[in-house]
Amino acid sequence: MIERLPIHTDINGIFYRAIDPLYREFALSGSSAPGRYSNSHQPTLYLSSSPEGVEAAMQTHKGNRSARLEIVKVRVIAHKILDLRNSEARRAAGIDLNDAISPWQEAVKEGGIPRSWHVRERLESLGINGLIDPSRKAPGLWHLVLFSWNGSGLAQVSLIE
């Protein structure tokens, strides 16, 4: 599923996302609320590598989610993804893992800028299209975060019915 390159990784596989069934048609629109790697004006597609990863991620976001969620499958083909689990790739990109995993929700509530948003800025400045984020709730699981998709030269994503 993953092919390693010196600084980035290519992705070709099936990923998972929790959505409110009422908004299924917008499942690939990305998040509109602030997230670990995005403010509310940066559409960002947060996916998990497994249904268990979705469940782990939802432990962090229970407060602002619909009680009625379904997990959908998403086909992803993406290039230039930085794997935060890879210390060599992080070092080459100038990324400190502590910035990526630092608490972000409190900073947003206080009107600040989380350190993880700077990780995204740095990666985008290098032409990186997204990242692999290790799960903090379930070690061994991971998530895929896409900064942009479904445009020319970008990650291609589609719902699997």
N, C-alpha and C. Protein backbone atom coordinates (compact mmCIF):
# COMPACT_ATOMS: atom_id res chain seq x y z
N MET A 1 0.82 -1.19 0.00
CA MET A 1 0.00 0.00 0.00
C MET A 1 0.87 1.25 0.00
N ILE A 2 2.05 1.24 0.60
CA ILE A 2 2.88 2.43 0.70
C ILE A 2 4.23 2.19 0.03
N GLU A 3 4.63 3.11 -0.83
CA GLU A 3 5.94 3.06 -1.45
C GLU A 3 6.77 4.20 -0.88
N ARG A 4 7.91 3.91 -0.30
CA ARG A 4 8.73 4.92 0.34
C ARG A 4 9.62 5.65 -0.66
N LEU A 5 9.70 6.94 -0.53
CA LEU A 5 10.61 7.76 -1.29
C LEU A 5 11.48 8.50 -0.28
N PRO A 6 12.55 9.19 -0.70
CA PRO A 6 13.45 9.80 0.28
C PRO A 6 12.77 10.66 1.33
N ILE A 7 11.87 11.57 0.93
CA ILE A 7 11.22 12.42 1.93
C ILE A 7 9.72 12.16 1.99
N HIS A 8 9.16 11.63 0.94
CA HIS A 8 7.71 11.45 0.95
C HIS A 8 7.31 10.05 0.52
N THR A 9 6.04 9.79 0.69
CA THR A 9 5.44 8.49 0.46
C THR A 9 4.30 8.63 -0.55
N ASP A 10 4.12 7.62 -1.35
CA ASP A 10 2.96 7.57 -2.24
C ASP A 10 1.94 6.61 -1.63
N ILE A 11 0.67 6.94 -1.79
CA ILE A 11 -0.43 6.17 -1.20
C ILE A 11 -1.34 5.68 -2.32
N ASN A 12 -1.78 4.44 -2.18
CA ASN A 12 -2.76 3.88 -3.11
C ASN A 12 -3.53 2.83 -2.32
N GLY A 13 -4.73 3.18 -1.85
CA GLY A 13 -5.47 2.24 -1.03
C GLY A 13 -6.83 2.73 -0.59
N ILE A 14 -7.42 1.97 0.32
CA ILE A 14 -8.74 2.25 0.85
C ILE A 14 -8.58 2.85 2.25
N PHE A 15 -9.30 3.93 2.50
CA PHE A 15 -9.28 4.61 3.80
C PHE A 15 -10.71 4.79 4.27
N TYR A 16 -10.88 5.28 5.49
CA TYR A 16 -12.18 5.32 6.13
C TYR A 16 -12.41 6.68 6.77
N ARG A 17 -13.69 7.06 6.80
CA ARG A 17 -14.07 8.37 7.36
C ARG A 17 -15.45 8.23 7.98
N ALA A 18 -15.66 8.86 9.12
CA ALA A 18 -16.98 8.88 9.76
C ALA A 18 -17.73 10.12 9.29
N ILE A 19 -18.98 9.90 8.89
CA ILE A 19 -19.81 11.02 8.45
C ILE A 19 -21.23 10.86 8.98
N ASP A 20 -21.92 11.96 9.06
CA ASP A 20 -23.35 11.94 9.36
C ASP A 20 -24.03 11.51 8.06
N PRO A 21 -24.85 10.45 8.09
CA PRO A 21 -25.50 9.97 6.86
C PRO A 21 -26.31 11.04 6.13
N LEU A 22 -26.80 12.05 6.84
CA LEU A 22 -27.54 13.13 6.20
C LEU A 22 -26.67 13.95 5.26
N TYR A 23 -25.36 13.91 5.47
CA TYR A 23 -24.42 14.71 4.68
C TYR A 23 -23.47 13.84 3.86
N ARG A 24 -23.92 12.64 3.53
CA ARG A 24 -23.07 11.70 2.80
C ARG A 24 -22.55 12.30 1.49
N GLU A 25 -23.35 13.09 0.81
CA GLU A 25 -22.93 13.67 -0.47
C GLU A 25 -21.75 14.63 -0.31
N PHE A 26 -21.48 15.06 0.93
CA PHE A 26 -20.38 15.98 1.20
C PHE A 26 -19.19 15.27 1.86
N ALA A 27 -19.19 13.95 1.86
CA ALA A 27 -18.17 13.17 2.57
C ALA A 27 -16.75 13.50 2.11
N LEU A 28 -16.61 13.91 0.86
CA LEU A 28 -15.28 14.21 0.34
C LEU A 28 -15.00 15.72 0.27
N SER A 29 -15.86 16.50 0.92
CA SER A 29 -15.66 17.95 0.93
C SER A 29 -14.59 18.37 1.93
N GLY A 30 -14.27 17.50 2.87
CA GLY A 30 -13.29 17.84 3.89
C GLY A 30 -13.95 18.49 5.09
N SER A 31 -13.15 18.70 6.10
CA SER A 31 -13.64 19.28 7.34
C SER A 31 -13.79 20.79 7.21
N SER A 32 -14.85 21.33 7.79
CA SER A 32 -15.04 22.78 7.78
C SER A 32 -14.75 23.39 9.14
N ALA A 33 -14.63 22.56 10.15
CA ALA A 33 -14.28 23.02 11.49
C ALA A 33 -12.77 22.92 11.67
N PRO A 34 -12.20 23.70 12.58
CA PRO A 34 -10.77 23.58 12.83
C PRO A 34 -10.41 22.14 13.23
N GLY A 35 -9.22 21.73 12.83
CA GLY A 35 -8.72 20.41 13.18
C GLY A 35 -7.25 20.48 13.55
N ARG A 36 -6.66 19.35 13.83
CA ARG A 36 -5.26 19.32 14.23
C ARG A 36 -4.37 20.02 13.21
N TYR A 37 -4.66 19.87 11.92
CA TYR A 37 -3.82 20.45 10.88
C TYR A 37 -4.53 21.48 10.02
N SER A 38 -5.60 22.07 10.52
CA SER A 38 -6.34 23.01 9.68
C SER A 38 -7.19 23.98 10.48
N ASN A 39 -7.24 25.22 9.98
CA ASN A 39 -8.19 26.15 10.55
C ASN A 39 -9.52 25.97 9.81
N SER A 40 -10.52 26.72 10.16
CA SER A 40 -11.86 26.51 9.58
C SER A 40 -11.94 26.96 8.11
N HIS A 41 -10.91 27.63 7.60
CA HIS A 41 -10.91 28.10 6.22
C HIS A 41 -10.03 27.24 5.31
N GLN A 42 -9.49 26.15 5.84
CA GLN A 42 -8.64 25.25 5.07
C GLN A 42 -9.31 23.90 4.94
N PRO A 43 -10.05 23.66 3.87
CA PRO A 43 -10.63 22.33 3.73
C PRO A 43 -9.53 21.28 3.83
N THR A 44 -9.77 20.29 4.65
CA THR A 44 -8.78 19.24 4.90
C THR A 44 -9.53 17.93 5.02
N LEU A 45 -9.02 16.92 4.35
CA LEU A 45 -9.68 15.62 4.38
C LEU A 45 -8.93 14.72 5.36
N TYR A 46 -9.59 14.43 6.47
CA TYR A 46 -9.04 13.56 7.50
C TYR A 46 -9.60 12.16 7.30
N LEU A 47 -8.72 11.19 7.10
CA LEU A 47 -9.11 9.80 6.87
C LEU A 47 -8.33 8.90 7.81
N SER A 48 -8.81 7.68 8.00
CA SER A 48 -8.09 6.70 8.81
C SER A 48 -7.77 5.48 7.96
N SER A 49 -6.70 4.81 8.33
CA SER A 49 -6.27 3.64 7.57
C SER A 49 -7.11 2.41 7.86
N SER A 50 -7.98 2.49 8.87
CA SER A 50 -8.83 1.35 9.24
C SER A 50 -10.07 1.85 9.96
N PRO A 51 -11.13 1.03 10.00
CA PRO A 51 -12.31 1.42 10.79
C PRO A 51 -11.95 1.62 12.27
N GLU A 52 -11.01 0.84 12.77
CA GLU A 52 -10.57 1.00 14.17
C GLU A 52 -9.92 2.37 14.38
N GLY A 53 -9.22 2.84 13.35
CA GLY A 53 -8.61 4.17 13.42
C GLY A 53 -9.65 5.27 13.49
N VAL A 54 -10.75 5.08 12.77
CA VAL A 54 -11.85 6.06 12.83
C VAL A 54 -12.40 6.10 14.25
N GLU A 55 -12.64 4.93 14.83
CA GLU A 55 -13.17 4.86 16.20
C GLU A 55 -12.22 5.54 17.18
N ALA A 56 -10.91 5.31 17.03
CA ALA A 56 -9.93 5.94 17.92
C ALA A 56 -9.96 7.46 17.77
N ALA A 57 -10.02 7.93 16.52
CA ALA A 57 -10.05 9.37 16.28
C ALA A 57 -11.31 10.01 16.86
N MET A 58 -12.42 9.31 16.80
CA MET A 58 -13.68 9.85 17.30
C MET A 58 -13.67 10.04 18.82
N GLN A 59 -12.81 9.33 19.52
CA GLN A 59 -12.70 9.52 20.97
C GLN A 59 -12.29 10.95 21.30
N THR A 60 -11.54 11.56 20.42
CA THR A 60 -11.06 12.93 20.63
C THR A 60 -12.12 13.96 20.26
N HIS A 61 -13.04 13.63 19.36
CA HIS A 61 -13.96 14.61 18.80
C HIS A 61 -15.42 14.35 19.14
N LYS A 62 -15.70 13.77 20.27
CA LYS A 62 -17.09 13.41 20.60
C LYS A 62 -18.00 14.62 20.77
N GLY A 63 -17.50 15.70 21.31
CA GLY A 63 -18.35 16.83 21.68
C GLY A 63 -19.09 17.49 20.54
N ASN A 64 -18.47 17.61 19.37
CA ASN A 64 -19.10 18.37 18.28
C ASN A 64 -19.54 17.47 17.13
N ARG A 65 -19.81 16.22 17.39
CA ARG A 65 -20.19 15.28 16.33
C ARG A 65 -21.63 14.81 16.50
N SER A 66 -22.23 14.47 15.40
CA SER A 66 -23.56 13.88 15.41
C SER A 66 -23.49 12.52 16.10
N ALA A 67 -24.53 12.15 16.80
CA ALA A 67 -24.58 10.84 17.45
C ALA A 67 -24.77 9.73 16.41
N ARG A 68 -25.24 10.11 15.24
CA ARG A 68 -25.54 9.15 14.17
C ARG A 68 -24.47 9.24 13.09
N LEU A 69 -23.43 8.45 13.20
CA LEU A 69 -22.37 8.48 12.20
C LEU A 69 -22.26 7.12 11.52
N GLU A 70 -21.85 7.17 10.26
CA GLU A 70 -21.54 5.94 9.54
C GLU A 70 -20.11 6.05 9.05
N ILE A 71 -19.47 4.92 8.87
CA ILE A 71 -18.12 4.90 8.35
C ILE A 71 -18.19 4.58 6.86
N VAL A 72 -17.60 5.46 6.05
CA VAL A 72 -17.57 5.24 4.61
C VAL A 72 -16.16 4.88 4.18
N LYS A 73 -16.09 4.18 3.04
CA LYS A 73 -14.80 3.80 2.46
C LYS A 73 -14.44 4.81 1.37
N VAL A 74 -13.17 5.17 1.35
CA VAL A 74 -12.68 6.15 0.39
C VAL A 74 -11.45 5.60 -0.32
N ARG A 75 -11.49 5.60 -1.63
CA ARG A 75 -10.34 5.18 -2.44
C ARG A 75 -9.42 6.38 -2.58
N VAL A 76 -8.12 6.18 -2.29
CA VAL A 76 -7.15 7.28 -2.35
C VAL A 76 -5.93 6.87 -3.17
N ILE A 77 -5.57 7.75 -4.08
CA ILE A 77 -4.28 7.66 -4.78
C ILE A 77 -3.64 9.02 -4.57
N ALA A 78 -2.52 9.03 -3.86
CA ALA A 78 -1.89 10.31 -3.50
C ALA A 78 -0.37 10.20 -3.59
N HIS A 79 0.24 11.31 -3.95
CA HIS A 79 1.69 11.40 -4.05
C HIS A 79 2.17 12.52 -3.13
N LYS A 80 3.42 12.46 -2.77
CA LYS A 80 4.05 13.48 -1.93
C LYS A 80 3.35 13.63 -0.59
N ILE A 81 3.26 12.52 0.12
CA ILE A 81 2.71 12.48 1.48
C ILE A 81 3.87 12.26 2.45
N LEU A 82 3.96 13.07 3.48
CA LEU A 82 5.03 12.89 4.47
C LEU A 82 4.53 11.99 5.59
N ASP A 83 5.29 10.96 5.90
CA ASP A 83 4.95 10.01 6.95
C ASP A 83 5.59 10.46 8.26
N LEU A 84 4.78 10.98 9.16
CA LEU A 84 5.30 11.48 10.44
C LEU A 84 5.88 10.37 11.31
N ARG A 85 5.62 9.11 10.97
CA ARG A 85 6.22 7.99 11.72
C ARG A 85 7.67 7.78 11.32
N ASN A 86 8.10 8.38 10.21
CA ASN A 86 9.43 8.19 9.65
C ASN A 86 10.34 9.32 10.11
N SER A 87 11.26 9.02 11.03
CA SER A 87 12.12 10.06 11.60
C SER A 87 13.02 10.70 10.54
N GLU A 88 13.49 9.93 9.56
CA GLU A 88 14.33 10.49 8.50
C GLU A 88 13.55 11.50 7.66
N ALA A 89 12.31 11.16 7.32
CA ALA A 89 11.47 12.07 6.54
C ALA A 89 11.17 13.34 7.33
N ARG A 90 10.86 13.18 8.62
CA ARG A 90 10.60 14.37 9.46
C ARG A 90 11.83 15.27 9.51
N ARG A 91 12.98 14.66 9.73
CA ARG A 91 14.22 15.43 9.82
C ARG A 91 14.49 16.16 8.50
N ALA A 92 14.33 15.46 7.38
CA ALA A 92 14.58 16.07 6.07
C ALA A 92 13.61 17.23 5.80
N ALA A 93 12.39 17.13 6.32
CA ALA A 93 11.39 18.19 6.13
C ALA A 93 11.48 19.29 7.18
N GLY A 94 12.31 19.09 8.20
CA GLY A 94 12.43 20.08 9.26
C GLY A 94 11.23 20.10 10.19
N ILE A 95 10.64 18.92 10.42
CA ILE A 95 9.45 18.80 11.27
C ILE A 95 9.83 18.17 12.60
N ASP A 96 9.39 18.80 13.69
CA ASP A 96 9.54 18.26 15.04
C ASP A 96 8.24 17.53 15.38
N LEU A 97 8.33 16.24 15.67
CA LEU A 97 7.13 15.45 15.98
C LEU A 97 6.35 16.06 17.15
N ASN A 98 7.03 16.68 18.09
CA ASN A 98 6.34 17.30 19.24
C ASN A 98 5.39 18.41 18.79
N ASP A 99 5.73 19.11 17.71
CA ASP A 99 4.82 20.13 17.18
C ASP A 99 3.56 19.48 16.62
N ALA A 100 3.74 18.36 15.92
CA ALA A 100 2.60 17.67 15.30
C ALA A 100 1.66 17.08 16.34
N ILE A 101 2.20 16.56 17.42
CA ILE A 101 1.36 15.86 18.40
C ILE A 101 0.95 16.74 19.58
N SER A 102 1.38 17.99 19.58
CA SER A 102 1.03 18.88 20.70
C SER A 102 -0.48 19.11 20.74
N PRO A 103 -1.02 19.38 21.93
CA PRO A 103 -2.46 19.68 22.04
C PRO A 103 -2.81 20.88 21.17
N TRP A 104 -3.95 20.79 20.47
CA TRP A 104 -4.32 21.87 19.56
C TRP A 104 -5.67 22.50 19.92
N GLN A 105 -6.58 21.73 20.51
CA GLN A 105 -7.94 22.23 20.73
C GLN A 105 -7.98 23.42 21.69
N GLU A 106 -7.18 23.38 22.72
CA GLU A 106 -7.16 24.48 23.70
C GLU A 106 -6.63 25.76 23.05
N ALA A 107 -5.59 25.61 22.24
CA ALA A 107 -5.03 26.79 21.55
C ALA A 107 -6.09 27.44 20.65
N VAL A 108 -6.87 26.63 19.94
CA VAL A 108 -7.92 27.16 19.07
C VAL A 108 -8.99 27.87 19.90
N LYS A 109 -9.40 27.24 21.01
CA LYS A 109 -10.43 27.85 21.88
C LYS A 109 -9.98 29.21 22.41
N GLU A 110 -8.67 29.34 22.64
CA GLU A 110 -8.13 30.60 23.17
C GLU A 110 -7.77 31.60 22.07
N GLY A 111 -8.09 31.25 20.82
CA GLY A 111 -7.81 32.15 19.71
C GLY A 111 -6.38 32.09 19.20
N GLY A 112 -5.63 31.10 19.65
CA GLY A 112 -4.24 30.97 19.23
C GLY A 112 -4.07 30.09 18.01
N ILE A 113 -2.82 29.91 17.64
CA ILE A 113 -2.48 29.05 16.50
C ILE A 113 -1.73 27.83 17.04
N PRO A 114 -2.33 26.65 16.89
CA PRO A 114 -1.66 25.43 17.36
C PRO A 114 -0.35 25.18 16.61
N ARG A 115 0.60 24.58 17.31
CA ARG A 115 1.89 24.25 16.69
C ARG A 115 1.71 23.32 15.50
N SER A 116 0.69 22.47 15.54
CA SER A 116 0.48 21.53 14.43
C SER A 116 0.08 22.25 13.14
N TRP A 117 -0.50 23.44 13.22
CA TRP A 117 -0.84 24.19 12.01
C TRP A 117 0.44 24.64 11.30
N HIS A 118 1.49 24.90 12.09
CA HIS A 118 2.78 25.28 11.50
C HIS A 118 3.41 24.08 10.78
N VAL A 119 3.13 22.87 11.25
CA VAL A 119 3.60 21.66 10.57
C VAL A 119 3.02 21.64 9.16
N ARG A 120 1.73 21.87 9.06
CA ARG A 120 1.09 21.90 7.74
C ARG A 120 1.71 22.97 6.85
N GLU A 121 1.87 24.18 7.40
CA GLU A 121 2.46 25.28 6.62
C GLU A 121 3.83 24.89 6.08
N ARG A 122 4.63 24.27 6.93
CA ARG A 122 5.98 23.86 6.52
C ARG A 122 5.90 22.83 5.39
N LEU A 123 5.04 21.84 5.56
CA LEU A 123 4.93 20.79 4.54
C LEU A 123 4.42 21.35 3.22
N GLU A 124 3.42 22.21 3.28
CA GLU A 124 2.91 22.82 2.05
C GLU A 124 3.99 23.64 1.35
N SER A 125 4.83 24.31 2.12
CA SER A 125 5.92 25.10 1.51
C SER A 125 6.92 24.21 0.78
N LEU A 126 6.97 22.93 1.14
CA LEU A 126 7.85 21.96 0.49
C LEU A 126 7.16 21.21 -0.65
N GLY A 127 5.90 21.55 -0.91
CA GLY A 127 5.16 20.87 -1.97
C GLY A 127 4.57 19.54 -1.55
N ILE A 128 4.49 19.30 -0.25
CA ILE A 128 3.90 18.06 0.28
C ILE A 128 2.38 18.22 0.27
N ASN A 129 1.67 17.16 -0.16
CA ASN A 129 0.21 17.21 -0.32
C ASN A 129 -0.59 16.72 0.88
N GLY A 130 0.09 16.17 1.88
CA GLY A 130 -0.61 15.66 3.05
C GLY A 130 0.37 14.91 3.93
N LEU A 131 -0.18 14.27 4.95
CA LEU A 131 0.70 13.57 5.89
C LEU A 131 0.03 12.33 6.46
N ILE A 132 0.89 11.44 6.92
CA ILE A 132 0.45 10.28 7.70
C ILE A 132 0.68 10.64 9.15
N ASP A 133 -0.36 10.56 9.93
CA ASP A 133 -0.36 10.97 11.33
C ASP A 133 -0.55 9.75 12.21
N PRO A 134 0.41 9.42 13.07
CA PRO A 134 0.21 8.27 13.96
C PRO A 134 -0.88 8.55 14.97
N SER A 135 -1.70 7.55 15.25
CA SER A 135 -2.78 7.70 16.22
C SER A 135 -2.20 7.86 17.62
N ARG A 136 -2.72 8.84 18.34
CA ARG A 136 -2.32 9.02 19.73
C ARG A 136 -3.20 8.20 20.66
N LYS A 137 -4.41 7.89 20.22
CA LYS A 137 -5.37 7.12 21.04
C LYS A 137 -5.14 5.62 20.93
N ALA A 138 -4.61 5.17 19.79
CA ALA A 138 -4.42 3.73 19.56
C ALA A 138 -3.09 3.53 18.84
N PRO A 139 -2.00 3.44 19.61
CA PRO A 139 -0.68 3.26 19.00
C PRO A 139 -0.69 2.09 18.01
N GLY A 140 -0.03 2.32 16.87
CA GLY A 140 0.00 1.32 15.82
C GLY A 140 -0.96 1.65 14.70
N LEU A 141 -2.01 2.41 15.00
CA LEU A 141 -2.95 2.85 13.96
C LEU A 141 -2.48 4.20 13.43
N TRP A 142 -3.00 4.57 12.26
CA TRP A 142 -2.59 5.85 11.67
C TRP A 142 -3.69 6.44 10.82
N HIS A 143 -3.52 7.74 10.55
CA HIS A 143 -4.50 8.51 9.80
C HIS A 143 -3.80 9.17 8.61
N LEU A 144 -4.59 9.46 7.59
CA LEU A 144 -4.10 10.18 6.42
C LEU A 144 -4.79 11.54 6.39
N VAL A 145 -4.01 12.58 6.26
CA VAL A 145 -4.52 13.95 6.21
C VAL A 145 -4.13 14.54 4.86
N LEU A 146 -5.14 14.90 4.07
CA LEU A 146 -4.88 15.49 2.75
C LEU A 146 -5.17 16.99 2.80
N PHE A 147 -4.23 17.77 2.28
CA PHE A 147 -4.37 19.23 2.27
C PHE A 147 -5.19 19.70 1.07
N SER A 148 -5.15 18.96 -0.02
CA SER A 148 -5.93 19.28 -1.21
C SER A 148 -6.09 17.99 -2.02
N TRP A 149 -7.16 17.94 -2.81
CA TRP A 149 -7.46 16.69 -3.52
C TRP A 149 -8.39 16.95 -4.70
N ASN A 150 -8.42 15.97 -5.58
CA ASN A 150 -9.30 15.93 -6.76
C ASN A 150 -9.13 17.10 -7.71
N GLY A 151 -7.92 17.59 -7.79
CA GLY A 151 -7.57 18.58 -8.80
C GLY A 151 -6.40 18.04 -9.60
N SER A 152 -5.99 18.75 -10.61
CA SER A 152 -4.88 18.32 -11.45
C SER A 152 -3.59 18.21 -10.62
N GLY A 153 -2.97 17.05 -10.66
CA GLY A 153 -1.72 16.83 -9.94
C GLY A 153 -1.89 16.60 -8.45
N LEU A 154 -3.12 16.53 -7.97
CA LEU A 154 -3.38 16.36 -6.54
C LEU A 154 -3.81 14.93 -6.24
N ALA A 155 -3.96 14.63 -4.97
CA ALA A 155 -4.49 13.34 -4.56
C ALA A 155 -5.87 13.15 -5.21
N GLN A 156 -6.16 11.94 -5.59
CA GLN A 156 -7.47 11.60 -6.17
C GLN A 156 -8.21 10.73 -5.16
N VAL A 157 -9.40 11.16 -4.79
CA VAL A 157 -10.21 10.42 -3.82
C VAL A 157 -11.62 10.20 -4.37
N SER A 158 -12.20 9.06 -4.02
CA SER A 158 -13.57 8.78 -4.43
C SER A 158 -14.21 7.86 -3.40
N LEU A 159 -15.50 8.05 -3.22
CA LEU A 159 -16.26 7.18 -2.31
C LEU A 159 -16.44 5.81 -2.95
N ILE A 160 -16.33 4.78 -2.14
CA ILE A 160 -16.62 3.43 -2.59
C ILE A 160 -18.01 3.10 -2.09
N GLU A 161 -18.91 2.82 -2.98
CA GLU A 161 -20.31 2.54 -2.60
C GLU A 161 -20.46 1.15 -2.02
